[in-house]
C-alpha atoms as a PDB file:
ATOM      1  CA  UNK A   1      -0.002   0.017   0.006  1.00  0.00           C
ATOM      2  CA  UNK A   2       1.318   3.396  -0.938  1.00  0.00           C
ATOM      3  CA  UNK A   3       2.060   5.765   1.951  1.00  0.00           C
ATOM      4  CA  UNK A   4       2.871   9.449   2.341  1.00  0.00           C
ATOM      5  CA  UNK A   5       5.050  10.388   5.331  1.00  0.00           C
ATOM      6  CA  UNK A   6       5.235  13.974   6.605  1.00  0.00           C
ATOM      7  CA  UNK A   7       8.346  14.692   8.545  1.00  0.00           C
ATOM      8  CA  UNK A   8       7.653  17.724  10.801  1.00  0.00           C
ATOM      9  CA  UNK A   9      11.159  17.386  12.421  1.00  0.00           C
ATOM     10  CA  UNK A  10      13.303  18.252   9.440  1.00  0.00           C
ATOM     11  CA  UNK A  11      16.139  20.491  10.374  1.00  0.00           C
ATOM     12  CA  UNK A  12      16.907  23.792   8.526  1.00  0.00           C
ATOM     13  CA  UNK A  13      13.268  24.224   7.554  1.00  0.00           C
ATOM     14  CA  UNK A  14      12.724  26.788   4.719  1.00  0.00           C
ATOM     15  CA  UNK A  15       9.687  28.533   3.667  1.00  0.00           C
ATOM     16  CA  UNK A  16       8.573  27.491   0.167  1.00  0.00           C
ATOM     17  CA  UNK A  17       7.885  30.578  -1.997  1.00  0.00           C
ATOM     18  CA  UNK A  18       4.185  30.925  -2.832  1.00  0.00           C
ATOM     19  CA  UNK A  19       5.222  32.125  -6.218  1.00  0.00           C
ATOM     20  CA  UNK A  20       6.154  28.597  -7.517  1.00  0.00           C
ATOM     21  CA  UNK A  21       2.438  28.139  -7.608  1.00  0.00           C
ATOM     22  CA  UNK A  22       1.915  30.990 -10.102  1.00  0.00           C
ATOM     23  CA  UNK A  23      -0.287  30.799 -13.197  1.00  0.00           C
ATOM     24  CA  UNK A  24      -0.107  31.718 -16.793  1.00  0.00           C
ATOM     25  CA  UNK A  25      -2.592  33.332 -19.157  1.00  0.00           C
ATOM     26  CA  UNK A  26      -2.018  33.542 -22.956  1.00  0.00           C
ATOM     27  CA  UNK A  27      -4.010  34.404 -26.036  1.00  0.00           C
ATOM     28  CA  UNK A  28      -4.058  30.698 -27.002  1.00  0.00           C
ATOM     29  CA  UNK A  29      -7.195  28.754 -27.764  1.00  0.00           C
ATOM     30  CA  UNK A  30     -10.033  29.689 -25.302  1.00  0.00           C
ATOM     31  CA  UNK A  31      -7.723  30.659 -22.473  1.00  0.00           C
ATOM     32  CA  UNK A  32      -8.549  34.423 -22.666  1.00  0.00           C
ATOM     33  CA  UNK A  33     -11.566  34.754 -24.889  1.00  0.00           C
ATOM     34  CA  UNK A  34     -14.465  32.636 -23.700  1.00  0.00           C
ATOM     35  CA  UNK A  35     -12.305  31.352 -20.909  1.00  0.00           C
ATOM     36  CA  UNK A  36     -11.483  34.230 -18.771  1.00  0.00           C
ATOM     37  CA  UNK A  37     -13.079  36.968 -20.615  1.00  0.00           C
ATOM     38  CA  UNK A  38     -16.646  37.053 -22.080  1.00  0.00           C
ATOM     39  CA  UNK A  39     -17.395  40.812 -21.991  1.00  0.00           C
ATOM     40  CA  UNK A  40     -19.779  42.679 -19.764  1.00  0.00           C
ATOM     41  CA  UNK A  41     -22.725  42.177 -22.161  1.00  0.00           C
ATOM     42  CA  UNK A  42     -22.425  38.372 -22.302  1.00  0.00           C
ATOM     43  CA  UNK A  43     -25.264  36.116 -21.152  1.00  0.00           C
ATOM     44  CA  UNK A  44     -22.788  34.127 -19.255  1.00  0.00           C
ATOM     45  CA  UNK A  45     -22.636  35.416 -15.594  1.00  0.00           C
ATOM     46  CA  UNK A  46     -19.739  37.728 -15.246  1.00  0.00           C
ATOM     47  CA  UNK A  47     -18.110  40.272 -13.088  1.00  0.00           C
ATOM     48  CA  UNK A  48     -16.766  43.314 -15.210  1.00  0.00           C
ATOM     49  CA  UNK A  49     -16.588  41.001 -18.199  1.00  0.00           C
ATOM     50  CA  UNK A  50     -14.806  38.058 -16.496  1.00  0.00           C
ATOM     51  CA  UNK A  51     -16.592  34.792 -16.131  1.00  0.00           C
ATOM     52  CA  UNK A  52     -17.896  34.479 -12.599  1.00  0.00           C
ATOM     53  CA  UNK A  53     -17.314  30.735 -12.362  1.00  0.00           C
ATOM     54  CA  UNK A  54     -13.689  31.090 -13.424  1.00  0.00           C
ATOM     55  CA  UNK A  55     -13.071  33.924 -10.967  1.00  0.00           C
ATOM     56  CA  UNK A  56     -14.528  31.902  -8.081  1.00  0.00           C
ATOM     57  CA  UNK A  57     -12.473  28.866  -8.971  1.00  0.00           C
ATOM     58  CA  UNK A  58      -9.215  30.891  -9.197  1.00  0.00           C
ATOM     59  CA  UNK A  59     -10.050  32.598  -5.950  1.00  0.00           C
ATOM     60  CA  UNK A  60     -10.444  29.273  -4.201  1.00  0.00           C
ATOM     61  CA  UNK A  61      -6.943  28.221  -5.066  1.00  0.00           C
ATOM     62  CA  UNK A  62      -5.503  31.640  -4.205  1.00  0.00           C
ATOM     63  CA  UNK A  63      -3.064  31.987  -7.131  1.00  0.00           C
ATOM     64  CA  UNK A  64      -0.182  34.198  -6.053  1.00  0.00           C
ATOM     65  CA  UNK A  65       0.909  35.641  -9.409  1.00  0.00           C
ATOM     66  CA  UNK A  66      -0.394  35.633 -13.029  1.00  0.00           C
ATOM     67  CA  UNK A  67       1.726  36.016 -16.167  1.00  0.00           C
ATOM     68  CA  UNK A  68       0.479  37.624 -19.315  1.00  0.00           C
ATOM     69  CA  UNK A  69       0.317  38.131 -22.417  1.00  0.00           C
ATOM     70  CA  UNK A  70       2.433  35.000 -23.025  1.00  0.00           C
ATOM     71  CA  UNK A  71       4.161  32.785 -23.792  1.00  0.00           C
ATOM     72  CA  UNK A  72       4.998  32.990 -27.417  1.00  0.00           C
ATOM     73  CA  UNK A  73       2.199  35.614 -27.938  1.00  0.00           C
ATOM     74  CA  UNK A  74       4.163  38.073 -25.736  1.00  0.00           C
ATOM     75  CA  UNK A  75       6.733  38.718 -28.567  1.00  0.00           C
ATOM     76  CA  UNK A  76       3.841  39.357 -31.005  1.00  0.00           C
ATOM     77  CA  UNK A  77       1.765  41.572 -28.741  1.00  0.00           C
ATOM     78  CA  UNK A  78       1.735  45.360 -28.989  1.00  0.00           C
ATOM     79  CA  UNK A  79       0.166  46.756 -25.857  1.00  0.00           C
ATOM     80  CA  UNK A  80      -1.272  49.929 -27.348  1.00  0.00           C
ATOM     81  CA  UNK A  81      -3.614  47.808 -29.447  1.00  0.00           C
ATOM     82  CA  UNK A  82      -5.289  46.901 -26.213  1.00  0.00           C
ATOM     83  CA  UNK A  83      -6.065  50.193 -24.523  1.00  0.00           C
ATOM     84  CA  UNK A  84      -8.814  52.724 -24.914  1.00  0.00           C
ATOM     85  CA  UNK A  85     -12.587  52.288 -25.786  1.00  0.00           C
ATOM     86  CA  UNK A  86     -12.943  48.599 -26.786  1.00  0.00           C
ATOM     87  CA  UNK A  87     -15.066  49.468 -29.862  1.00  0.00           C
ATOM     88  CA  UNK A  88     -12.145  51.546 -31.155  1.00  0.00           C
ATOM     89  CA  UNK A  89      -9.331  49.013 -30.696  1.00  0.00           C
ATOM     90  CA  UNK A  90      -7.866  47.510 -33.793  1.00  0.00           C
ATOM     91  CA  UNK A  91      -8.414  43.839 -34.684  1.00  0.00           C
ATOM     92  CA  UNK A  92      -5.085  41.999 -35.158  1.00  0.00           C
ATOM     93  CA  UNK A  93      -4.196  38.460 -36.370  1.00  0.00           C
ATOM     94  CA  UNK A  94      -2.702  36.128 -33.890  1.00  0.00           C
ATOM     95  CA  UNK A  95      -0.184  34.662 -36.302  1.00  0.00           C
ATOM     96  CA  UNK A  96       1.402  32.545 -33.501  1.00  0.00           C
ATOM     97  CA  UNK A  97      -1.663  30.585 -32.509  1.00  0.00           C
ATOM     98  CA  UNK A  98      -4.009  29.690 -35.343  1.00  0.00           C
ATOM     99  CA  UNK A  99      -4.095  32.941 -37.195  1.00  0.00           C
ATOM    100  CA  UNK A 100      -7.349  33.875 -35.426  1.00  0.00           C
ATOM    101  CA  UNK A 101      -8.523  37.383 -35.209  1.00  0.00           C
ATOM    102  CA  UNK A 102      -8.068  39.109 -31.786  1.00  0.00           C
ATOM    103  CA  UNK A 103     -10.299  42.143 -31.227  1.00  0.00           C
ATOM    104  CA  UNK A 104      -8.063  43.187 -28.351  1.00  0.00           C
ATOM    105  CA  UNK A 105     -10.935  43.623 -25.954  1.00  0.00           C
ATOM    106  CA  UNK A 106      -8.743  42.075 -23.312  1.00  0.00           C
ATOM    107  CA  UNK A 107      -5.779  44.328 -22.952  1.00  0.00           C
ATOM    108  CA  UNK A 108      -3.688  46.067 -20.143  1.00  0.00           C
ATOM    109  CA  UNK A 109      -6.683  47.459 -18.126  1.00  0.00           C
ATOM    110  CA  UNK A 110      -8.622  44.210 -18.315  1.00  0.00           C
ATOM    111  CA  UNK A 111      -5.554  42.211 -17.181  1.00  0.00           C
ATOM    112  CA  UNK A 112      -4.815  44.464 -14.282  1.00  0.00           C
ATOM    113  CA  UNK A 113      -8.480  44.413 -13.286  1.00  0.00           C
ATOM    114  CA  UNK A 114      -8.369  40.631 -13.315  1.00  0.00           C
ATOM    115  CA  UNK A 115      -5.315  40.639 -11.033  1.00  0.00           C
ATOM    116  CA  UNK A 116      -7.069  42.990  -8.627  1.00  0.00           C
ATOM    117  CA  UNK A 117     -10.241  40.746  -8.617  1.00  0.00           C
ATOM    118  CA  UNK A 118      -8.146  37.699  -7.941  1.00  0.00           C
ATOM    119  CA  UNK A 119      -5.855  39.316  -5.392  1.00  0.00           C
ATOM    120  CA  UNK A 120      -2.778  38.210  -7.222  1.00  0.00           C
ATOM    121  CA  UNK A 121       0.438  39.996  -8.439  1.00  0.00           C
ATOM    122  CA  UNK A 122       0.691  40.685 -12.114  1.00  0.00           C
ATOM    123  CA  UNK A 123       3.734  39.372 -14.150  1.00  0.00           C
ATOM    124  CA  UNK A 124       3.899  41.094 -17.463  1.00  0.00           C
ATOM    125  CA  UNK A 125       6.157  39.777 -20.215  1.00  0.00           C
ATOM    126  CA  UNK A 126       7.348  42.532 -22.636  1.00  0.00           C
ATOM    127  CA  UNK A 127       7.745  42.209 -26.375  1.00  0.00           C
ATOM    128  CA  UNK A 128      11.428  41.849 -27.458  1.00  0.00           C
ATOM    129  CA  UNK A 129      10.949  39.854 -30.612  1.00  0.00           C
ATOM    130  CA  UNK A 130       8.751  42.272 -32.646  1.00  0.00           C
ATOM    131  CA  UNK A 131       8.654  45.221 -30.376  1.00  0.00           C
ATOM    132  CA  UNK A 132      11.044  48.124 -29.615  1.00  0.00           C
ATOM    133  CA  UNK A 133      12.727  49.535 -26.528  1.00  0.00           C
ATOM    134  CA  UNK A 134      10.513  52.586 -26.617  1.00  0.00           C
ATOM    135  CA  UNK A 135       7.356  50.462 -26.740  1.00  0.00           C
ATOM    136  CA  UNK A 136       8.399  48.554 -23.630  1.00  0.00           C
ATOM    137  CA  UNK A 137       9.605  51.581 -21.900  1.00  0.00           C
ATOM    138  CA  UNK A 138       6.282  53.403 -22.429  1.00  0.00           C
ATOM    139  CA  UNK A 139       4.266  50.448 -21.295  1.00  0.00           C
ATOM    140  CA  UNK A 140       6.040  50.517 -17.904  1.00  0.00           C
ATOM    141  CA  UNK A 141       5.526  54.298 -17.722  1.00  0.00           C
ATOM    142  CA  UNK A 142       1.818  53.929 -18.595  1.00  0.00           C
ATOM    143  CA  UNK A 143       1.327  51.242 -15.857  1.00  0.00           C
ATOM    144  CA  UNK A 144       3.383  52.663 -12.979  1.00  0.00           C
ATOM    145  CA  UNK A 145       4.176  56.301 -13.317  1.00  0.00           C
ATOM    146  CA  UNK A 146       2.257  58.471 -10.809  1.00  0.00           C
ATOM    147  CA  UNK A 147       3.515  61.845 -12.053  1.00  0.00           C
ATOM    148  CA  UNK A 148       2.622  63.898 -15.161  1.00  0.00           C
ATOM    149  CA  UNK A 149       3.755  62.466 -18.471  1.00  0.00           C
ATOM    150  CA  UNK A 150       2.381  61.518 -21.855  1.00  0.00           C
ATOM    151  CA  UNK A 151       1.881  57.880 -20.908  1.00  0.00           C
ATOM    152  CA  UNK A 152       0.567  58.603 -17.459  1.00  0.00           C
ATOM    153  CA  UNK A 153      -1.910  61.132 -18.894  1.00  0.00           C
ATOM    154  CA  UNK A 154      -2.945  58.570 -21.443  1.00  0.00           C
ATOM    155  CA  UNK A 155      -3.634  56.080 -18.787  1.00  0.00           C
ATOM    156  CA  UNK A 156      -5.851  58.533 -16.921  1.00  0.00           C
ATOM    157  CA  UNK A 157      -7.745  59.379 -20.063  1.00  0.00           C
ATOM    158  CA  UNK A 158      -8.556  55.711 -20.340  1.00  0.00           C
ATOM    159  CA  UNK A 159     -10.116  55.666 -16.829  1.00  0.00           C
ATOM    160  CA  UNK A 160      -7.339  54.716 -14.485  1.00  0.00           C
ATOM    161  CA  UNK A 161      -6.244  57.630 -12.304  1.00  0.00           C
ATOM    162  CA  UNK A 162      -3.788  55.895  -9.936  1.00  0.00           C
ATOM    163  CA  UNK A 163      -0.802  53.838 -11.259  1.00  0.00           C
ATOM    164  CA  UNK A 164      -0.748  50.065 -10.698  1.00  0.00           C
ATOM    165  CA  UNK A 165       1.876  48.138  -8.819  1.00  0.00           C
ATOM    166  CA  UNK A 166       3.868  45.917 -11.099  1.00  0.00           C
ATOM    167  CA  UNK A 167       6.841  43.965  -9.736  1.00  0.00           C
ATOM    168  CA  UNK A 168       7.591  41.105 -12.145  1.00  0.00           C
ATOM    169  CA  UNK A 169       8.633  42.162 -15.609  1.00  0.00           C
ATOM    170  CA  UNK A 170       9.825  39.698 -18.213  1.00  0.00           C
ATOM    171  CA  UNK A 171      12.083  41.005 -21.058  1.00  0.00           C
ATOM    172  CA  UNK A 172      11.070  38.724 -23.826  1.00  0.00           C
ATOM    173  CA  UNK A 173       9.905  35.113 -23.876  1.00  0.00           C
ATOM    174  CA  UNK A 174      11.614  32.037 -25.377  1.00  0.00           C
ATOM    175  CA  UNK A 175      13.755  34.264 -27.564  1.00  0.00           C
ATOM    176  CA  UNK A 176      15.789  31.237 -28.684  1.00  0.00           C
ATOM    177  CA  UNK A 177      12.572  30.067 -30.445  1.00  0.00           C
ATOM    178  CA  UNK A 178       9.223  31.668 -31.053  1.00  0.00           C
ATOM    179  CA  UNK A 179      10.455  34.907 -29.615  1.00  0.00           C
ATOM    180  CA  UNK A 180      12.983  35.596 -32.312  1.00  0.00           C
ATOM    181  CA  UNK A 181      15.098  32.520 -33.073  1.00  0.00           C
ATOM    182  CA  UNK A 182      18.067  34.358 -31.467  1.00  0.00           C
ATOM    183  CA  UNK A 183      21.498  33.191 -30.484  1.00  0.00           C
ATOM    184  CA  UNK A 184      22.539  33.498 -26.824  1.00  0.00           C
ATOM    185  CA  UNK A 185      24.944  36.287 -27.599  1.00  0.00           C
ATOM    186  CA  UNK A 186      22.326  38.344 -29.569  1.00  0.00           C
ATOM    187  CA  UNK A 187      19.675  37.945 -26.963  1.00  0.00           C
ATOM    188  CA  UNK A 188      22.069  39.008 -24.165  1.00  0.00           C
ATOM    189  CA  UNK A 189      22.864  42.139 -26.058  1.00  0.00           C
ATOM    190  CA  UNK A 190      19.096  42.927 -26.397  1.00  0.00           C
ATOM    191  CA  UNK A 191      18.499  42.128 -22.788  1.00  0.00           C
ATOM    192  CA  UNK A 192      21.120  44.587 -21.702  1.00  0.00           C
ATOM    193  CA  UNK A 193      19.639  47.309 -23.961  1.00  0.00           C
ATOM    194  CA  UNK A 194      15.964  46.719 -23.040  1.00  0.00           C
ATOM    195  CA  UNK A 195      16.668  46.358 -19.283  1.00  0.00           C
ATOM    196  CA  UNK A 196      18.487  49.651 -19.256  1.00  0.00           C
ATOM    197  CA  UNK A 197      15.378  51.533 -20.224  1.00  0.00           C
ATOM    198  CA  UNK A 198      12.941  49.557 -17.984  1.00  0.00           C
ATOM    199  CA  UNK A 199      12.696  52.241 -15.294  1.00  0.00           C
ATOM    200  CA  UNK A 200      11.387  52.282 -11.736  1.00  0.00           C
ATOM    201  CA  UNK A 201       8.861  55.054 -11.205  1.00  0.00           C
ATOM    202  CA  UNK A 202       7.980  56.300  -7.803  1.00  0.00           C
ATOM    203  CA  UNK A 203       8.128  53.508  -5.203  1.00  0.00           C
ATOM    204  CA  UNK A 204       7.427  50.764  -7.847  1.00  0.00           C
ATOM    205  CA  UNK A 205      10.474  48.569  -8.164  1.00  0.00           C
ATOM    206  CA  UNK A 206      10.768  46.191 -11.064  1.00  0.00           C
ATOM    207  CA  UNK A 207      11.979  42.665 -10.793  1.00  0.00           C
ATOM    208  CA  UNK A 208      13.548  42.230 -14.263  1.00  0.00           C
ATOM    209  CA  UNK A 209      13.513  38.708 -15.636  1.00  0.00           C
ATOM    210  CA  UNK A 210      15.683  37.456 -18.452  1.00  0.00           C
ATOM    211  CA  UNK A 211      14.635  34.675 -20.807  1.00  0.00           C
ATOM    212  CA  UNK A 212      16.233  31.486 -19.788  1.00  0.00           C
ATOM    213  CA  UNK A 213      16.752  28.239 -21.688  1.00  0.00           C
ATOM    214  CA  UNK A 214      14.555  25.292 -22.304  1.00  0.00           C
ATOM    215  CA  UNK A 215      15.397  22.084 -20.340  1.00  0.00           C
ATOM    216  CA  UNK A 216      14.314  19.867 -23.254  1.00  0.00           C
ATOM    217  CA  UNK A 217      17.083  21.191 -25.458  1.00  0.00           C
ATOM    218  CA  UNK A 218      20.640  19.694 -25.481  1.00  0.00           C
ATOM    219  CA  UNK A 219      22.788  20.225 -22.375  1.00  0.00           C
ATOM    220  CA  UNK A 220      25.613  21.980 -24.292  1.00  0.00           C
ATOM    221  CA  UNK A 221      23.126  24.555 -25.670  1.00  0.00           C
ATOM    222  CA  UNK A 222      21.529  25.030 -22.242  1.00  0.00           C
ATOM    223  CA  UNK A 223      24.820  25.759 -20.634  1.00  0.00           C
ATOM    224  CA  UNK A 224      25.874  28.102 -23.368  1.00  0.00           C
ATOM    225  CA  UNK A 225      22.635  30.251 -23.063  1.00  0.00           C
ATOM    226  CA  UNK A 226      22.859  30.473 -19.289  1.00  0.00           C
ATOM    227  CA  UNK A 227      26.591  31.169 -19.228  1.00  0.00           C
ATOM    228  CA  UNK A 228      26.320  33.924 -21.750  1.00  0.00           C
ATOM    229  CA  UNK A 229      23.763  35.737 -19.562  1.00  0.00           C
ATOM    230  CA  UNK A 230      25.652  35.175 -16.356  1.00  0.00           C
ATOM    231  CA  UNK A 231      29.080  36.116 -17.723  1.00  0.00           C
ATOM    232  CA  UNK A 232      27.946  39.315 -19.614  1.00  0.00           C
ATOM    233  CA  UNK A 233      25.162  40.659 -17.527  1.00  0.00           C
ATOM    234  CA  UNK A 234      26.140  42.052 -14.135  1.00  0.00           C
ATOM    235  CA  UNK A 235      23.347  42.560 -11.673  1.00  0.00           C
ATOM    236  CA  UNK A 236      24.136  46.245 -11.338  1.00  0.00           C
ATOM    237  CA  UNK A 237      25.294  48.489 -14.091  1.00  0.00           C
ATOM    238  CA  UNK A 238      28.339  50.774 -13.967  1.00  0.00           C
ATOM    239  CA  UNK A 239      25.889  53.645 -13.356  1.00  0.00           C
ATOM    240  CA  UNK A 240      24.392  51.990 -10.339  1.00  0.00           C
ATOM    241  CA  UNK A 241      21.063  50.735 -11.487  1.00  0.00           C
ATOM    242  CA  UNK A 242      19.896  47.188 -11.304  1.00  0.00           C
ATOM    243  CA  UNK A 243      19.995  45.248 -14.580  1.00  0.00           C
ATOM    244  CA  UNK A 244      18.724  41.768 -13.839  1.00  0.00           C
ATOM    245  CA  UNK A 245      16.961  39.987 -10.833  1.00  0.00           C
ATOM    246  CA  UNK A 246      15.975  36.620 -12.336  1.00  0.00           C
ATOM    247  CA  UNK A 247      15.931  34.050 -15.160  1.00  0.00           C
ATOM    248  CA  UNK A 248      12.930  32.263 -16.433  1.00  0.00           C
ATOM    249  CA  UNK A 249      13.523  28.566 -16.903  1.00  0.00           C
ATOM    250  CA  UNK A 250      11.244  26.662 -19.247  1.00  0.00           C
ATOM    251  CA  UNK A 251      10.725  22.950 -19.438  1.00  0.00           C
ATOM    252  CA  UNK A 252       8.085  20.882 -21.360  1.00  0.00           C
ATOM    253  CA  UNK A 253       6.797  17.577 -20.115  1.00  0.00           C
ATOM    254  CA  UNK A 254       5.351  16.148 -23.339  1.00  0.00           C
ATOM    255  CA  UNK A 255       6.961  13.197 -25.058  1.00  0.00           C
ATOM    256  CA  UNK A 256       8.827  13.941 -28.284  1.00  0.00           C
ATOM    257  CA  UNK A 257       9.790  17.428 -29.636  1.00  0.00           C
ATOM    258  CA  UNK A 258       7.769  20.612 -30.149  1.00  0.00           C
ATOM    259  CA  UNK A 259       6.706  19.568 -33.632  1.00  0.00           C
ATOM    260  CA  UNK A 260       5.652  16.078 -32.803  1.00  0.00           C
ATOM    261  CA  UNK A 261       4.263  16.501 -29.318  1.00  0.00           C
ATOM    262  CA  UNK A 262       0.879  15.090 -29.958  1.00  0.00           C
ATOM    263  CA  UNK A 263      -2.719  16.471 -29.173  1.00  0.00           C
ATOM    264  CA  UNK A 264      -3.505  18.484 -26.047  1.00  0.00           C
ATOM    265  CA  UNK A 265      -6.992  17.059 -25.812  1.00  0.00           C
ATOM    266  CA  UNK A 266      -6.894  13.640 -27.477  1.00  0.00           C
ATOM    267  CA  UNK A 267      -4.521  11.509 -25.380  1.00  0.00           C
ATOM    268  CA  UNK A 268      -4.445   8.019 -23.744  1.00  0.00           C
ATOM    269  CA  UNK A 269      -3.982   7.164 -20.112  1.00  0.00           C
ATOM    270  CA  UNK A 270      -0.398   6.081 -21.060  1.00  0.00           C
ATOM    271  CA  UNK A 271       0.345   9.474 -22.614  1.00  0.00           C
ATOM    272  CA  UNK A 272      -0.881  11.185 -19.417  1.00  0.00           C
ATOM    273  CA  UNK A 273       1.280   8.977 -17.244  1.00  0.00           C
ATOM    274  CA  UNK A 274       4.322   9.883 -19.535  1.00  0.00           C
ATOM    275  CA  UNK A 275       3.710  13.553 -18.965  1.00  0.00           C
ATOM    276  CA  UNK A 276       3.518  13.065 -15.196  1.00  0.00           C
ATOM    277  CA  UNK A 277       6.702  10.907 -15.298  1.00  0.00           C
ATOM    278  CA  UNK A 278       8.649  13.583 -17.191  1.00  0.00           C
ATOM    279  CA  UNK A 279       7.890  16.220 -14.360  1.00  0.00           C
ATOM    280  CA  UNK A 280      10.403  14.196 -12.295  1.00  0.00           C
ATOM    281  CA  UNK A 281      13.200  15.527 -14.706  1.00  0.00           C
ATOM    282  CA  UNK A 282      12.685  19.077 -13.292  1.00  0.00           C
ATOM    283  CA  UNK A 283      14.921  18.386 -10.352  1.00  0.00           C
ATOM    284  CA  UNK A 284      17.753  17.291 -12.648  1.00  0.00           C
ATOM    285  CA  UNK A 285      17.219  20.433 -14.794  1.00  0.00           C
ATOM    286  CA  UNK A 286      17.251  22.823 -11.827  1.00  0.00           C
ATOM    287  CA  UNK A 287      20.287  21.063 -10.489  1.00  0.00           C
ATOM    288  CA  UNK A 288      22.156  21.612 -13.800  1.00  0.00           C
ATOM    289  CA  UNK A 289      21.244  25.307 -13.724  1.00  0.00           C
ATOM    290  CA  UNK A 290      22.239  25.617 -10.094  1.00  0.00           C
ATOM    291  CA  UNK A 291      25.667  24.061 -10.870  1.00  0.00           C
ATOM    292  CA  UNK A 292      26.254  26.647 -13.669  1.00  0.00           C
ATOM    293  CA  UNK A 293      25.229  29.503 -11.329  1.00  0.00           C
ATOM    294  CA  UNK A 294      27.573  28.228  -8.578  1.00  0.00           C
ATOM    295  CA  UNK A 295      30.437  27.993 -10.971  1.00  0.00           C
ATOM    296  CA  UNK A 296      30.193  31.574 -11.960  1.00  0.00           C
ATOM    297  CA  UNK A 297      28.965  33.000  -8.654  1.00  0.00           C
ATOM    298  CA  UNK A 298      29.865  30.611  -5.773  1.00  0.00           C
ATOM    299  CA  UNK A 299      28.838  33.251  -3.178  1.00  0.00           C
ATOM    300  CA  UNK A 300      25.217  32.897  -4.187  1.00  0.00           C
END
């Protein structure tokens, strides 16, 4: 008979960060539209346009942090398409996921409203792949600046007087793949440039996160990507401002590769067991990254 043993006497107890239980929302399938968002005029019971049943379910599990707009979609997303009156927002084509039309009714204000309704922290991933430094800089200003400026005034004109609090900020997503097919050296150069212009406004302090590697890819490549970031990016610049606070590690538990990974909805019990078994590889993956980190920064 299987048993679970809980040892309450373990020495050197450490508190597990609540943020490892964070969640992720992307413009993929029905995750956003019809999933989280149905609009205020929908016949489906909703609160401010968000499905009431979904809100209640997410509140019950007390999610600590929610990441948006992706995922791969992050490096296709241009935030100004998703602000202002909804009937005036441009429709765009989601070329990453099915080439479906996105009416951009779910944008910055809606995402931040969702986080407030759920009582969770927002984690925004900025566009490095097809965006610009100015676009990312202005998004941060729009969200967090409490003084007078073009972006802060634009936020106020769109109905939000007070700035939001945003801590977690991703500088690109999977830029070795869907986020631009970049080499480690090239992404590192871009990260340094973008991060320099990701400013703190008032008492809002950003926690800037670099795109890390995928654990499914060859070990030599994984090490190259992490080492490039660690060797060339110092936590604090020569001018005294902070450049990097974290690295986002990705790992996929499906069998096979990204092209032949099988269906997300049509799978056997054996397929599901395989997915669960592959989660056990995470410990090995994290240990590899930890070893690289300690090689370059043993004090940490």
